[in-house]
Amino acid sequence: MGISVLADVKIYVYFEDLRTRVTETVQAQPYEWVELMADIGGVASLWLGLSVLGVLEIVHMLVELSVVGFSKCCGKGDHSVTPVKPFDGSA
């Protein structure tokens, strides 16, 4: 539905010479030992952090389940439910 601005655009490129000349050679710096150790440490700490969080979540769930189970089994007090009238909106 939009208007295409590039539909009628033509670009003409003229080369003076079709031969390629290399004027400078750039060599990439190799991957150093320190960078490798930093990357490995970063990934390991990420996985370790996720593992610790997962273990803490499981421990938290088990504690909550045991507290709920203990309160139902051996808890003190009245556990009866008192019915409540529904709110009808009139004052």
Protein backbone atom coordinates (compact mmCIF):
# COMPACT_ATOMS: atom_id res chain seq x y z
CA MET A 1 0.00 0.00 0.00
CA GLY A 2 2.98 2.35 0.49
CA ILE A 3 4.79 4.30 -2.18
CA SER A 4 8.07 2.79 -3.35
CA VAL A 5 10.62 5.56 -3.74
CA LEU A 6 13.38 3.24 -4.95
CA ALA A 7 11.39 1.79 -7.84
CA ASP A 8 12.72 4.31 -10.40
CA VAL A 9 16.24 4.80 -9.03
CA LYS A 10 19.10 3.68 -11.26
CA ILE A 11 22.76 3.83 -10.33
CA TYR A 12 25.52 3.76 -12.92
CA VAL A 13 29.02 2.98 -11.65
CA TYR A 14 32.03 3.50 -13.90
CA PHE A 15 35.43 2.06 -13.09
CA GLU A 16 38.54 3.62 -14.52
CA ASP A 17 40.44 0.35 -14.25
CA LEU A 18 38.99 -3.13 -13.66
CA ARG A 19 42.13 -4.48 -12.02
CA THR A 20 42.17 -4.82 -8.24
CA ARG A 21 45.13 -3.48 -6.34
CA VAL A 22 45.87 -4.32 -2.71
CA THR A 23 47.30 -1.30 -1.01
CA GLU A 24 47.41 -2.54 2.59
CA THR A 25 47.29 -5.95 4.20
CA VAL A 26 45.67 -6.11 7.62
CA GLN A 27 46.14 -9.17 9.77
CA ALA A 28 43.61 -9.82 12.50
CA GLN A 29 44.96 -10.21 15.99
CA PRO A 30 44.82 -13.84 17.11
CA TYR A 31 42.49 -14.93 19.90
CA GLU A 32 44.60 -14.56 23.02
CA TRP A 33 44.76 -16.88 26.01
CA VAL A 34 43.33 -14.23 28.36
CA GLU A 35 40.31 -13.68 26.12
CA LEU A 36 39.70 -17.43 25.93
CA MET A 37 39.82 -17.77 29.72
CA ALA A 38 37.51 -14.76 30.14
CA ASP A 39 34.96 -16.24 27.73
CA ILE A 40 35.08 -19.66 29.38
CA GLY A 41 34.72 -18.06 32.82
CA GLY A 42 31.76 -15.98 31.67
CA VAL A 43 29.90 -18.96 30.27
CA ALA A 44 30.72 -21.11 33.30
CA SER A 45 29.50 -18.44 35.73
CA LEU A 46 26.30 -18.04 33.73
CA TRP A 47 25.54 -21.77 33.94
CA LEU A 48 26.58 -21.93 37.59
CA GLY A 49 24.32 -19.00 38.42
CA LEU A 50 21.38 -20.61 36.66
CA SER A 51 22.07 -23.89 38.47
CA VAL A 52 22.20 -22.17 41.86
CA LEU A 53 18.94 -20.36 41.17
CA GLY A 54 17.30 -23.62 40.13
CA VAL A 55 18.45 -25.37 43.31
CA LEU A 56 17.23 -22.47 45.46
CA GLU A 57 13.83 -22.56 43.75
CA ILE A 58 13.50 -26.30 44.46
CA VAL A 59 14.55 -25.82 48.11
CA HIS A 60 12.05 -22.95 48.48
CA MET A 61 9.25 -25.09 47.04
CA LEU A 62 10.09 -28.01 49.35
CA VAL A 63 10.13 -25.73 52.40
CA GLU A 64 6.76 -24.24 51.47
CA LEU A 65 5.25 -27.68 50.86
CA SER A 66 6.55 -28.97 54.18
CA VAL A 67 5.22 -25.92 56.05
CA VAL A 68 1.78 -26.31 54.46
CA GLY A 69 1.77 -30.05 55.09
CA PHE A 70 2.88 -29.61 58.70
CA SER A 71 0.27 -26.94 59.39
CA LYS A 72 -2.50 -29.14 57.96
CA CYS A 73 -1.30 -32.23 59.77
CA CYS A 74 -0.21 -30.97 63.16
CA GLY A 75 -1.34 -27.35 63.19
CA LYS A 76 -3.18 -25.77 66.07
CA GLY A 77 -6.27 -23.66 65.90
CA ASP A 78 -9.62 -23.74 64.22
CA HIS A 79 -9.49 -24.71 60.55
CA SER A 80 -13.20 -24.38 59.91
CA VAL A 81 -14.47 -22.19 57.09
CA THR A 82 -16.91 -19.41 57.90
CA PRO A 83 -19.29 -18.62 55.03
CA VAL A 84 -19.51 -14.97 53.96
CA LYS A 85 -22.48 -13.22 52.37
CA PRO A 86 -21.85 -12.13 48.77
CA PHE A 87 -21.58 -8.39 48.15
CA ASP A 88 -24.67 -7.14 46.31
CA GLY A 89 -23.61 -3.48 45.91
CA SER A 90 -26.46 -1.90 47.90
CA ALA A 91 -25.53 0.27 50.85
